[in-house]
Amino acid sequence: MDKSALQGDRLVFRRIAQGDAEAFAEFYEAYAVKLALYVARFLGSDLWAEEIVQDTFVKLWSIRETIGDIEYPAGFVYRMIANRTKDHLRRKGHEVKLQQYMGRYLQQSNLNTTQDQLDFQTGEKLFRQAVQQLPAQRALIFRMRNEQGLSYEEIARELGLSRNTVRNQLNLALQNIRSYLSEHGDITGIMVLLIFLKII
């Protein structure tokens, strides 16, 4: 990066640190596509790359007050992206193990016994409770996406929201639900979540 571009990025970061939304949009426009291409090379998925870039910029805005003195803004954001990509890969590795566990669970039991059926019903009930505890709008968006099968654009249009807002609310819903299930220590509930979201 040439010196003038670097100085420009530093200035933009200082403006962002002061809450300048236009500066944030300017930085996003300059780097979002480059970052998505960078992530897609590792993940082999444009969709997940876009998700990670969006999440990173949400995080960047949330910590904006701390970034005014960053010397190399582009490098800073690339490190954020790299860390989020590593987290994604680790999480996917964990989910693969969980999926394998569930495959064995269903193959061995086929939910034939009364206890198996009760365990699965308990997990499903806990999952429903996890959805019910979401904030009203978040729960609605989650149901529209995962029960009605609506696209981000359809949900955004019906509720009068931006596509990014829909995406962010869905991400938060998944985080909330996973946390709820983990806190209650129910592996079946987590497996139901994976089935319900067609992750497996």
N, C-alpha and C. Protein backbone atom coordinates (compact mmCIF):
# COMPACT_ATOMS: atom_id res chain seq x y z
N MET A 1 0.85 -1.20 0.00
CA MET A 1 0.00 0.00 0.00
C MET A 1 0.88 1.24 0.00
N ASP A 2 0.56 2.20 -0.88
CA ASP A 2 1.37 3.41 -0.92
C ASP A 2 1.04 4.31 0.27
N LYS A 3 1.94 5.26 0.51
CA LYS A 3 1.83 6.09 1.71
C LYS A 3 0.56 6.92 1.72
N SER A 4 0.13 7.42 0.59
CA SER A 4 -1.07 8.26 0.56
C SER A 4 -2.32 7.45 0.90
N ALA A 5 -2.38 6.19 0.40
CA ALA A 5 -3.51 5.32 0.71
C ALA A 5 -3.54 4.99 2.20
N LEU A 6 -2.34 4.73 2.75
CA LEU A 6 -2.25 4.43 4.18
C LEU A 6 -2.72 5.62 5.01
N GLN A 7 -2.27 6.82 4.64
CA GLN A 7 -2.70 8.02 5.35
C GLN A 7 -4.22 8.19 5.25
N GLY A 8 -4.75 7.88 4.07
CA GLY A 8 -6.19 7.99 3.88
C GLY A 8 -6.95 7.04 4.79
N ASP A 9 -6.46 5.80 4.90
CA ASP A 9 -7.11 4.82 5.78
C ASP A 9 -7.03 5.25 7.24
N ARG A 10 -5.90 5.80 7.64
CA ARG A 10 -5.77 6.27 9.03
C ARG A 10 -6.77 7.37 9.32
N LEU A 11 -6.93 8.27 8.36
CA LEU A 11 -7.88 9.35 8.54
C LEU A 11 -9.30 8.81 8.65
N VAL A 12 -9.61 7.84 7.79
CA VAL A 12 -10.95 7.24 7.82
C VAL A 12 -11.18 6.55 9.17
N PHE A 13 -10.19 5.86 9.69
CA PHE A 13 -10.34 5.19 10.98
C PHE A 13 -10.55 6.21 12.10
N ARG A 14 -9.87 7.33 12.03
CA ARG A 14 -10.07 8.36 13.05
C ARG A 14 -11.50 8.90 12.99
N ARG A 15 -12.00 9.06 11.77
CA ARG A 15 -13.39 9.52 11.62
C ARG A 15 -14.38 8.46 12.14
N ILE A 16 -14.09 7.20 11.83
CA ILE A 16 -14.96 6.12 12.33
C ILE A 16 -14.96 6.11 13.86
N ALA A 17 -13.78 6.31 14.45
CA ALA A 17 -13.66 6.31 15.91
C ALA A 17 -14.52 7.40 16.54
N GLN A 18 -14.80 8.45 15.77
CA GLN A 18 -15.64 9.55 16.26
C GLN A 18 -17.11 9.32 15.93
N GLY A 19 -17.42 8.14 15.39
CA GLY A 19 -18.81 7.80 15.11
C GLY A 19 -19.30 8.23 13.74
N ASP A 20 -18.39 8.48 12.81
CA ASP A 20 -18.76 8.94 11.47
C ASP A 20 -19.22 7.75 10.62
N ALA A 21 -20.53 7.62 10.43
CA ALA A 21 -21.09 6.49 9.68
C ALA A 21 -20.70 6.54 8.21
N GLU A 22 -20.56 7.73 7.66
CA GLU A 22 -20.17 7.85 6.26
C GLU A 22 -18.74 7.33 6.05
N ALA A 23 -17.86 7.61 6.99
CA ALA A 23 -16.50 7.10 6.90
C ALA A 23 -16.50 5.57 6.98
N PHE A 24 -17.35 5.04 7.83
CA PHE A 24 -17.47 3.58 7.96
C PHE A 24 -17.93 2.98 6.63
N ALA A 25 -18.94 3.59 6.02
CA ALA A 25 -19.44 3.11 4.74
C ALA A 25 -18.37 3.21 3.66
N GLU A 26 -17.58 4.26 3.72
CA GLU A 26 -16.49 4.46 2.77
C GLU A 26 -15.45 3.34 2.89
N PHE A 27 -15.08 3.01 4.13
CA PHE A 27 -14.09 1.95 4.35
C PHE A 27 -14.67 0.60 3.92
N TYR A 28 -15.94 0.39 4.21
CA TYR A 28 -16.61 -0.86 3.83
C TYR A 28 -16.57 -1.02 2.31
N GLU A 29 -16.93 0.02 1.60
CA GLU A 29 -16.96 -0.05 0.13
C GLU A 29 -15.57 -0.32 -0.44
N ALA A 30 -14.55 0.21 0.22
CA ALA A 30 -13.18 0.05 -0.27
C ALA A 30 -12.65 -1.36 -0.05
N TYR A 31 -13.12 -2.05 1.03
CA TYR A 31 -12.47 -3.30 1.41
C TYR A 31 -13.37 -4.54 1.44
N ALA A 32 -14.68 -4.39 1.45
CA ALA A 32 -15.55 -5.55 1.65
C ALA A 32 -15.35 -6.63 0.58
N VAL A 33 -15.31 -6.23 -0.68
CA VAL A 33 -15.16 -7.22 -1.76
C VAL A 33 -13.80 -7.90 -1.68
N LYS A 34 -12.74 -7.11 -1.44
CA LYS A 34 -11.40 -7.69 -1.33
C LYS A 34 -11.34 -8.70 -0.19
N LEU A 35 -11.95 -8.34 0.93
CA LEU A 35 -11.93 -9.22 2.10
C LEU A 35 -12.71 -10.50 1.83
N ALA A 36 -13.85 -10.37 1.16
CA ALA A 36 -14.67 -11.55 0.86
C ALA A 36 -13.91 -12.52 -0.05
N LEU A 37 -13.20 -11.98 -1.03
CA LEU A 37 -12.39 -12.83 -1.92
C LEU A 37 -11.28 -13.52 -1.15
N TYR A 38 -10.68 -12.78 -0.22
CA TYR A 38 -9.61 -13.31 0.63
C TYR A 38 -10.12 -14.50 1.46
N VAL A 39 -11.29 -14.34 2.07
CA VAL A 39 -11.85 -15.40 2.91
C VAL A 39 -12.30 -16.58 2.06
N ALA A 40 -12.91 -16.29 0.92
CA ALA A 40 -13.43 -17.36 0.07
C ALA A 40 -12.32 -18.31 -0.39
N ARG A 41 -11.10 -17.79 -0.52
CA ARG A 41 -9.99 -18.65 -0.92
C ARG A 41 -9.74 -19.74 0.12
N PHE A 42 -9.98 -19.43 1.39
CA PHE A 42 -9.76 -20.40 2.46
C PHE A 42 -10.95 -21.33 2.66
N LEU A 43 -12.15 -20.78 2.51
CA LEU A 43 -13.35 -21.55 2.82
C LEU A 43 -13.97 -22.23 1.62
N GLY A 44 -13.67 -21.73 0.43
CA GLY A 44 -14.30 -22.29 -0.76
C GLY A 44 -15.78 -22.02 -0.81
N SER A 45 -16.22 -20.96 -0.14
CA SER A 45 -17.65 -20.63 -0.09
C SER A 45 -17.83 -19.13 -0.10
N ASP A 46 -18.44 -18.62 -1.16
CA ASP A 46 -18.73 -17.18 -1.21
C ASP A 46 -19.73 -16.77 -0.14
N LEU A 47 -20.70 -17.66 0.14
CA LEU A 47 -21.74 -17.34 1.12
C LEU A 47 -21.14 -17.14 2.50
N TRP A 48 -20.31 -18.10 2.94
CA TRP A 48 -19.71 -17.98 4.27
C TRP A 48 -18.73 -16.82 4.32
N ALA A 49 -18.04 -16.58 3.21
CA ALA A 49 -17.11 -15.45 3.17
C ALA A 49 -17.87 -14.15 3.39
N GLU A 50 -19.00 -14.01 2.74
CA GLU A 50 -19.81 -12.80 2.90
C GLU A 50 -20.29 -12.66 4.34
N GLU A 51 -20.71 -13.78 4.93
CA GLU A 51 -21.18 -13.75 6.33
C GLU A 51 -20.07 -13.27 7.26
N ILE A 52 -18.87 -13.80 7.07
CA ILE A 52 -17.75 -13.45 7.94
C ILE A 52 -17.36 -11.99 7.77
N VAL A 53 -17.37 -11.51 6.54
CA VAL A 53 -17.06 -10.09 6.31
C VAL A 53 -18.10 -9.20 6.98
N GLN A 54 -19.36 -9.55 6.83
CA GLN A 54 -20.42 -8.75 7.46
C GLN A 54 -20.25 -8.74 8.98
N ASP A 55 -20.00 -9.90 9.56
CA ASP A 55 -19.83 -9.99 11.01
C ASP A 55 -18.63 -9.18 11.47
N THR A 56 -17.56 -9.20 10.68
CA THR A 56 -16.36 -8.45 11.04
C THR A 56 -16.62 -6.95 11.05
N PHE A 57 -17.35 -6.47 10.06
CA PHE A 57 -17.63 -5.04 10.03
C PHE A 57 -18.60 -4.63 11.13
N VAL A 58 -19.52 -5.51 11.49
CA VAL A 58 -20.38 -5.24 12.64
C VAL A 58 -19.53 -5.09 13.89
N LYS A 59 -18.57 -6.02 14.06
CA LYS A 59 -17.67 -5.95 15.21
C LYS A 59 -16.83 -4.68 15.17
N LEU A 60 -16.33 -4.35 13.98
CA LEU A 60 -15.50 -3.14 13.84
C LEU A 60 -16.26 -1.91 14.30
N TRP A 61 -17.52 -1.80 13.90
CA TRP A 61 -18.32 -0.65 14.31
C TRP A 61 -18.55 -0.65 15.82
N SER A 62 -18.71 -1.84 16.39
CA SER A 62 -18.98 -1.92 17.83
C SER A 62 -17.78 -1.50 18.67
N ILE A 63 -16.55 -1.61 18.09
CA ILE A 63 -15.34 -1.22 18.83
C ILE A 63 -14.74 0.07 18.27
N ARG A 64 -15.53 0.82 17.53
CA ARG A 64 -15.02 1.99 16.81
C ARG A 64 -14.27 2.98 17.68
N GLU A 65 -14.68 3.11 18.93
CA GLU A 65 -14.05 4.11 19.80
C GLU A 65 -12.60 3.77 20.11
N THR A 66 -12.20 2.53 19.84
CA THR A 66 -10.84 2.08 20.20
C THR A 66 -9.87 2.09 19.02
N ILE A 67 -10.33 2.45 17.82
CA ILE A 67 -9.50 2.24 16.64
C ILE A 67 -8.85 3.51 16.10
N GLY A 68 -9.03 4.62 16.78
CA GLY A 68 -8.53 5.90 16.26
C GLY A 68 -7.04 5.97 16.06
N ASP A 69 -6.28 5.20 16.82
CA ASP A 69 -4.82 5.27 16.74
C ASP A 69 -4.19 4.09 16.01
N ILE A 70 -5.01 3.30 15.31
CA ILE A 70 -4.48 2.15 14.57
C ILE A 70 -3.57 2.66 13.45
N GLU A 71 -2.35 2.13 13.40
CA GLU A 71 -1.38 2.58 12.41
C GLU A 71 -1.62 1.99 11.02
N TYR A 72 -2.08 0.76 10.98
CA TYR A 72 -2.30 0.07 9.70
C TYR A 72 -3.73 -0.49 9.66
N PRO A 73 -4.70 0.35 9.33
CA PRO A 73 -6.11 -0.06 9.36
C PRO A 73 -6.42 -1.30 8.54
N ALA A 74 -5.90 -1.37 7.30
CA ALA A 74 -6.19 -2.52 6.47
C ALA A 74 -5.66 -3.80 7.11
N GLY A 75 -4.43 -3.74 7.63
CA GLY A 75 -3.85 -4.90 8.29
C GLY A 75 -4.66 -5.30 9.52
N PHE A 76 -5.15 -4.31 10.24
CA PHE A 76 -5.95 -4.56 11.43
C PHE A 76 -7.21 -5.34 11.07
N VAL A 77 -7.90 -4.91 10.00
CA VAL A 77 -9.14 -5.57 9.59
C VAL A 77 -8.85 -6.95 9.01
N TYR A 78 -7.76 -7.09 8.27
CA TYR A 78 -7.40 -8.41 7.75
C TYR A 78 -7.13 -9.39 8.89
N ARG A 79 -6.52 -8.91 9.97
CA ARG A 79 -6.29 -9.79 11.13
C ARG A 79 -7.62 -10.19 11.77
N MET A 80 -8.54 -9.22 11.87
CA MET A 80 -9.87 -9.55 12.39
C MET A 80 -10.53 -10.63 11.54
N ILE A 81 -10.45 -10.44 10.21
CA ILE A 81 -11.04 -11.40 9.29
C ILE A 81 -10.38 -12.77 9.43
N ALA A 82 -9.05 -12.79 9.53
CA ALA A 82 -8.33 -14.06 9.66
C ALA A 82 -8.74 -14.80 10.93
N ASN A 83 -8.87 -14.08 12.03
CA ASN A 83 -9.27 -14.70 13.29
C ASN A 83 -10.68 -15.25 13.22
N ARG A 84 -11.58 -14.51 12.58
CA ARG A 84 -12.95 -14.98 12.44
C ARG A 84 -13.02 -16.19 11.52
N THR A 85 -12.18 -16.21 10.50
CA THR A 85 -12.14 -17.36 9.61
C THR A 85 -11.64 -18.60 10.35
N LYS A 86 -10.61 -18.44 11.18
CA LYS A 86 -10.11 -19.56 11.98
C LYS A 86 -11.19 -20.06 12.94
N ASP A 87 -11.91 -19.12 13.57
CA ASP A 87 -12.99 -19.51 14.47
C ASP A 87 -14.06 -20.31 13.72
N HIS A 88 -14.37 -19.85 12.52
CA HIS A 88 -15.38 -20.55 11.70
C HIS A 88 -14.93 -21.97 11.39
N LEU A 89 -13.67 -22.13 11.00
CA LEU A 89 -13.16 -23.46 10.67
C LEU A 89 -13.14 -24.36 11.89
N ARG A 90 -12.77 -23.80 13.06
CA ARG A 90 -12.80 -24.60 14.30
C ARG A 90 -14.22 -25.03 14.63
N ARG A 91 -15.14 -24.07 14.50
CA ARG A 91 -16.55 -24.38 14.80
C ARG A 91 -17.10 -25.44 13.86
N LYS A 92 -16.73 -25.33 12.58
CA LYS A 92 -17.19 -26.32 11.62
C LYS A 92 -16.62 -27.70 11.95
N GLY A 93 -15.36 -27.72 12.40
CA GLY A 93 -14.77 -28.98 12.81
C GLY A 93 -15.53 -29.60 13.97
N HIS A 94 -15.94 -28.77 14.91
CA HIS A 94 -16.72 -29.25 16.06
C HIS A 94 -18.08 -29.76 15.60
N GLU A 95 -18.72 -29.04 14.68
CA GLU A 95 -20.04 -29.45 14.21
C GLU A 95 -19.97 -30.76 13.43
N VAL A 96 -18.87 -30.97 12.70
CA VAL A 96 -18.72 -32.23 11.99
C VAL A 96 -18.69 -33.39 12.98
N LYS A 97 -17.94 -33.21 14.09
CA LYS A 97 -17.89 -34.26 15.11
C LYS A 97 -19.27 -34.50 15.71
N LEU A 98 -20.00 -33.41 15.94
CA LEU A 98 -21.34 -33.54 16.50
C LEU A 98 -22.28 -34.24 15.52
N GLN A 99 -22.13 -33.92 14.24
CA GLN A 99 -22.95 -34.57 13.22
C GLN A 99 -22.65 -36.06 13.15
N GLN A 100 -21.36 -36.41 13.25
CA GLN A 100 -20.98 -37.81 13.22
C GLN A 100 -21.57 -38.54 14.42
N TYR A 101 -21.53 -37.85 15.58
CA TYR A 101 -22.11 -38.44 16.80
C TYR A 101 -23.59 -38.70 16.60
N MET A 102 -24.29 -37.74 16.02
CA MET A 102 -25.72 -37.90 15.83
C MET A 102 -26.03 -39.00 14.83
N GLY A 103 -25.20 -39.09 13.78
CA GLY A 103 -25.40 -40.15 12.80
C GLY A 103 -25.32 -41.52 13.46
N ARG A 104 -24.32 -41.70 14.32
CA ARG A 104 -24.19 -42.97 15.04
C ARG A 104 -25.37 -43.18 15.98
N TYR A 105 -25.79 -42.08 16.63
CA TYR A 105 -26.90 -42.16 17.59
C TYR A 105 -28.17 -42.64 16.90
N LEU A 106 -28.47 -42.05 15.74
CA LEU A 106 -29.70 -42.41 15.04
C LEU A 106 -29.58 -43.79 14.42
N GLN A 107 -28.40 -44.14 13.93
CA GLN A 107 -28.20 -45.45 13.30
C GLN A 107 -28.35 -46.56 14.32
N GLN A 108 -27.82 -46.33 15.51
CA GLN A 108 -27.87 -47.36 16.54
C GLN A 108 -29.27 -47.53 17.12
N SER A 109 -29.94 -46.42 17.34
CA SER A 109 -31.22 -46.50 18.05
C SER A 109 -32.42 -46.44 17.13
N ASN A 110 -32.28 -45.70 16.02
CA ASN A 110 -33.42 -45.43 15.14
C ASN A 110 -34.63 -44.91 15.90
N LEU A 111 -34.36 -44.38 17.10
CA LEU A 111 -35.43 -43.84 17.96
C LEU A 111 -36.53 -44.88 18.18
N ASN A 112 -36.12 -46.15 18.30
CA ASN A 112 -37.11 -47.21 18.41
C ASN A 112 -37.63 -47.38 19.83
N THR A 113 -36.79 -47.14 20.83
CA THR A 113 -37.21 -47.36 22.19
C THR A 113 -37.96 -46.16 22.73
N THR A 114 -38.77 -46.42 23.73
CA THR A 114 -39.54 -45.35 24.36
C THR A 114 -38.61 -44.30 24.94
N GLN A 115 -37.49 -44.73 25.53
CA GLN A 115 -36.55 -43.78 26.13
C GLN A 115 -35.92 -42.91 25.06
N ASP A 116 -35.54 -43.50 23.91
CA ASP A 116 -34.98 -42.72 22.82
C ASP A 116 -35.96 -41.64 22.37
N GLN A 117 -37.20 -42.05 22.22
CA GLN A 117 -38.22 -41.10 21.76
C GLN A 117 -38.42 -39.98 22.78
N LEU A 118 -38.42 -40.35 24.06
CA LEU A 118 -38.58 -39.34 25.11
C LEU A 118 -37.40 -38.38 25.12
N ASP A 119 -36.18 -38.91 24.97
CA ASP A 119 -34.99 -38.05 24.94
C ASP A 119 -35.06 -37.06 23.79
N PHE A 120 -35.47 -37.56 22.63
CA PHE A 120 -35.53 -36.69 21.46
C PHE A 120 -36.62 -35.65 21.63
N GLN A 121 -37.76 -36.05 22.18
CA GLN A 121 -38.86 -35.10 22.41
C GLN A 121 -38.45 -34.04 23.43
N THR A 122 -37.68 -34.45 24.44
CA THR A 122 -37.19 -33.49 25.43
C THR A 122 -36.27 -32.48 24.78
N GLY A 123 -35.37 -32.97 23.93
CA GLY A 123 -34.47 -32.07 23.21
C GLY A 123 -35.22 -31.10 22.33
N GLU A 124 -36.23 -31.60 21.62
CA GLU A 124 -37.02 -30.73 20.73
C GLU A 124 -37.78 -29.68 21.55
N LYS A 125 -38.31 -30.10 22.70
CA LYS A 125 -39.02 -29.15 23.56
C LYS A 125 -38.07 -28.05 24.04
N LEU A 126 -36.85 -28.44 24.41
CA LEU A 126 -35.87 -27.47 24.88
C LEU A 126 -35.50 -26.50 23.75
N PHE A 127 -35.38 -27.04 22.54
CA PHE A 127 -35.09 -26.19 21.40
C PHE A 127 -36.19 -25.16 21.20
N ARG A 128 -37.44 -25.60 21.28
CA ARG A 128 -38.57 -24.67 21.13
C ARG A 128 -38.54 -23.59 22.21
N GLN A 129 -38.18 -24.00 23.41
CA GLN A 129 -38.06 -23.03 24.50
C GLN A 129 -36.97 -22.01 24.20
N ALA A 130 -35.86 -22.50 23.61
CA ALA A 130 -34.77 -21.60 23.26
C ALA A 130 -35.22 -20.56 22.24
N VAL A 131 -36.05 -20.97 21.29
CA VAL A 131 -36.57 -20.02 20.31
C VAL A 131 -37.52 -19.03 20.96
N GLN A 132 -38.35 -19.53 21.88
CA GLN A 132 -39.34 -18.67 22.53
C GLN A 132 -38.70 -17.58 23.38
N GLN A 133 -37.49 -17.82 23.89
CA GLN A 133 -36.86 -16.84 24.76
C GLN A 133 -36.15 -15.73 23.97
N LEU A 134 -36.14 -15.86 22.64
CA LEU A 134 -35.55 -14.81 21.82
C LEU A 134 -36.40 -13.54 21.88
N PRO A 135 -35.79 -12.36 21.70
CA PRO A 135 -36.60 -11.14 21.54
C PRO A 135 -37.61 -11.33 20.42
N ALA A 136 -38.76 -10.68 20.52
CA ALA A 136 -39.89 -10.95 19.63
C ALA A 136 -39.52 -10.86 18.15
N GLN A 137 -38.87 -9.77 17.75
CA GLN A 137 -38.55 -9.62 16.33
C GLN A 137 -37.55 -10.67 15.87
N ARG A 138 -36.56 -10.97 16.72
CA ARG A 138 -35.55 -11.96 16.37
C ARG A 138 -36.18 -13.34 16.20
N ALA A 139 -37.11 -13.69 17.10
CA ALA A 139 -37.80 -14.97 17.00
C ALA A 139 -38.63 -15.03 15.72
N LEU A 140 -39.29 -13.92 15.39
CA LEU A 140 -40.11 -13.88 14.18
C LEU A 140 -39.25 -14.09 12.93
N ILE A 141 -38.11 -13.38 12.87
CA ILE A 141 -37.21 -13.52 11.72
C ILE A 141 -36.69 -14.95 11.63
N PHE A 142 -36.32 -15.53 12.78
CA PHE A 142 -35.82 -16.90 12.79
C PHE A 142 -36.86 -17.87 12.26
N ARG A 143 -38.12 -17.72 12.68
CA ARG A 143 -39.18 -18.62 12.23
C ARG A 143 -39.48 -18.42 10.74
N MET A 144 -39.46 -17.17 10.30
CA MET A 144 -39.73 -16.90 8.89
C MET A 144 -38.66 -17.55 8.01
N ARG A 145 -37.43 -17.54 8.49
CA ARG A 145 -36.32 -18.12 7.72
C ARG A 145 -36.34 -19.64 7.78
N ASN A 146 -36.48 -20.21 8.97
CA ASN A 146 -36.25 -21.64 9.16
C ASN A 146 -37.51 -22.49 9.18
N GLU A 147 -38.67 -21.87 9.40
CA GLU A 147 -39.91 -22.62 9.36
C GLU A 147 -40.67 -22.37 8.06
N GLN A 148 -40.68 -21.11 7.63
CA GLN A 148 -41.38 -20.78 6.39
C GLN A 148 -40.48 -20.86 5.17
N GLY A 149 -39.16 -20.89 5.40
CA GLY A 149 -38.22 -21.01 4.29
C GLY A 149 -38.07 -19.76 3.45
N LEU A 150 -38.37 -18.60 4.03
CA LEU A 150 -38.25 -17.35 3.28
C LEU A 150 -36.79 -16.93 3.14
N SER A 151 -36.48 -16.26 2.06
CA SER A 151 -35.12 -15.76 1.84
C SER A 151 -34.90 -14.49 2.65
N TYR A 152 -33.62 -14.07 2.75
CA TYR A 152 -33.32 -12.82 3.45
C TYR A 152 -34.10 -11.67 2.82
N GLU A 153 -34.12 -11.64 1.49
CA GLU A 153 -34.79 -10.55 0.79
C GLU A 153 -36.29 -10.53 1.08
N GLU A 154 -36.90 -11.70 1.10
CA GLU A 154 -38.35 -11.79 1.36
C GLU A 154 -38.67 -11.34 2.78
N ILE A 155 -37.86 -11.76 3.74
CA ILE A 155 -38.07 -11.34 5.13
C ILE A 155 -37.90 -9.84 5.26
N ALA A 156 -36.82 -9.32 4.67
CA ALA A 156 -36.54 -7.89 4.75
C ALA A 156 -37.69 -7.08 4.15
N ARG A 157 -38.20 -7.54 3.01
CA ARG A 157 -39.29 -6.83 2.35
C ARG A 157 -40.56 -6.87 3.19
N GLU A 158 -40.87 -8.03 3.75
CA GLU A 158 -42.12 -8.18 4.51
C GLU A 158 -42.09 -7.38 5.81
N LEU A 159 -40.91 -7.30 6.44
CA LEU A 159 -40.81 -6.62 7.74
C LEU A 159 -40.32 -5.18 7.61
N GLY A 160 -39.97 -4.76 6.40
CA GLY A 160 -39.48 -3.40 6.21
C GLY A 160 -38.10 -3.18 6.81
N LEU A 161 -37.24 -4.20 6.71
CA LEU A 161 -35.89 -4.13 7.26
C LEU A 161 -34.87 -4.25 6.14
N SER A 162 -33.62 -3.94 6.44
CA SER A 162 -32.57 -4.16 5.47
C SER A 162 -32.15 -5.62 5.49
N ARG A 163 -31.56 -6.08 4.39
CA ARG A 163 -31.08 -7.46 4.32
C ARG A 163 -30.02 -7.72 5.39
N ASN A 164 -29.16 -6.74 5.62
CA ASN A 164 -28.12 -6.91 6.63
C ASN A 164 -28.70 -7.05 8.03
N THR A 165 -29.77 -6.30 8.30
CA THR A 165 -30.42 -6.42 9.61
C THR A 165 -30.98 -7.83 9.79
N VAL A 166 -31.61 -8.36 8.74
CA VAL A 166 -32.14 -9.72 8.80
C VAL A 166 -31.02 -10.71 9.07
N ARG A 167 -29.93 -10.58 8.33
CA ARG A 167 -28.79 -11.48 8.49
C ARG A 167 -28.23 -11.41 9.91
N ASN A 168 -28.04 -10.19 10.41
CA ASN A 168 -27.47 -10.03 11.75
C ASN A 168 -28.39 -10.60 12.82
N GLN A 169 -29.70 -10.40 12.66
CA GLN A 169 -30.65 -10.94 13.63
C GLN A 169 -30.65 -12.47 13.61
N LEU A 170 -30.50 -13.06 12.44
CA LEU A 170 -30.44 -14.52 12.35
C LEU A 170 -29.17 -15.04 13.01
N ASN A 171 -28.06 -14.37 12.79
CA ASN A 171 -26.81 -14.78 13.44
C ASN A 171 -26.93 -14.71 14.95
N LEU A 172 -27.52 -13.63 15.44
CA LEU A 172 -27.71 -13.48 16.88
C LEU A 172 -28.66 -14.54 17.42
N ALA A 173 -29.70 -14.87 16.65
CA ALA A 173 -30.65 -15.90 17.08
C ALA A 173 -29.95 -17.23 17.26
N LEU A 174 -29.10 -17.59 16.31
CA LEU A 174 -28.37 -18.85 16.41
C LEU A 174 -27.44 -18.86 17.62
N GLN A 175 -26.77 -17.74 17.86
CA GLN A 175 -25.89 -17.65 19.03
C GLN A 175 -26.70 -17.80 20.31
N ASN A 176 -27.84 -17.12 20.38
CA ASN A 176 -28.70 -17.20 21.57
C ASN A 176 -29.18 -18.62 21.81
N ILE A 177 -29.61 -19.29 20.73
CA ILE A 177 -30.15 -20.63 20.86
C ILE A 177 -29.07 -21.61 21.29
N ARG A 178 -27.90 -21.51 20.65
CA ARG A 178 -26.80 -22.41 21.04
C ARG A 178 -26.43 -22.21 22.51
N SER A 179 -26.37 -20.95 22.93
CA SER A 179 -26.03 -20.67 24.33
C SER A 179 -27.06 -21.26 25.27
N TYR A 180 -28.32 -21.11 24.93
CA TYR A 180 -29.41 -21.63 25.77
C TYR A 180 -29.29 -23.14 25.90
N LEU A 181 -29.08 -23.83 24.77
CA LEU A 181 -28.98 -25.28 24.81
C LEU A 181 -27.74 -25.73 25.58
N SER A 182 -26.63 -25.03 25.38
CA SER A 182 -25.40 -25.40 26.09
C SER A 182 -25.55 -25.20 27.59
N GLU A 183 -26.19 -24.11 27.98
CA GLU A 183 -26.39 -23.83 29.40
C GLU A 183 -27.24 -24.89 30.06
N HIS A 184 -28.17 -25.45 29.30
CA HIS A 184 -29.05 -26.47 29.86
C HIS A 184 -28.48 -27.88 29.67
N GLY A 185 -27.31 -27.95 29.02
CA GLY A 185 -26.58 -29.20 28.96
C GLY A 185 -27.29 -30.32 28.25
N ASP A 186 -28.00 -30.02 27.17
CA ASP A 186 -28.77 -31.05 26.50
C ASP A 186 -28.23 -31.29 25.11
N ILE A 187 -27.48 -32.38 24.94
CA ILE A 187 -26.89 -32.69 23.64
C ILE A 187 -27.96 -32.97 22.60
N THR A 188 -29.07 -33.60 23.02
CA THR A 188 -30.14 -33.88 22.08
C THR A 188 -30.73 -32.60 21.53
N GLY A 189 -30.86 -31.60 22.41
CA GLY A 189 -31.39 -30.32 21.95
C GLY A 189 -30.52 -29.70 20.89
N ILE A 190 -29.21 -29.83 21.05
CA ILE A 190 -28.29 -29.29 20.05
C ILE A 190 -28.43 -30.07 18.75
N MET A 191 -28.61 -31.36 18.85
CA MET A 191 -28.77 -32.17 17.64
C MET A 191 -30.08 -31.80 16.93
N VAL A 192 -31.13 -31.56 17.69
CA VAL A 192 -32.38 -31.12 17.09
C VAL A 192 -32.17 -29.81 16.35
N LEU A 193 -31.39 -28.91 16.95
CA LEU A 193 -31.09 -27.64 16.29
C LEU A 193 -30.42 -27.89 14.94
N LEU A 194 -29.46 -28.80 14.89
CA LEU A 194 -28.76 -29.08 13.65
C LEU A 194 -29.70 -29.64 12.61
N ILE A 195 -30.63 -30.52 13.01
CA ILE A 195 -31.61 -31.07 12.08
C ILE A 195 -32.53 -29.98 11.58
N PHE A 196 -33.04 -29.19 12.52
CA PHE A 196 -34.02 -28.16 12.20
C PHE A 196 -33.47 -27.16 11.21
N LEU A 197 -32.21 -26.82 11.35
CA LEU A 197 -31.58 -25.84 10.47
C LEU A 197 -30.98 -26.50 9.22
N LYS A 198 -31.22 -27.81 9.08
CA LYS A 198 -30.72 -28.55 7.92
C LYS A 198 -29.19 -28.43 7.80
N ILE A 199 -28.50 -28.41 8.96
CA ILE A 199 -27.04 -28.36 8.97
C ILE A 199 -26.47 -29.74 8.68
N ILE A 200 -27.26 -30.78 9.02
CA ILE A 200 -26.76 -32.13 8.75
C ILE A 200 -27.60 -32.77 7.65
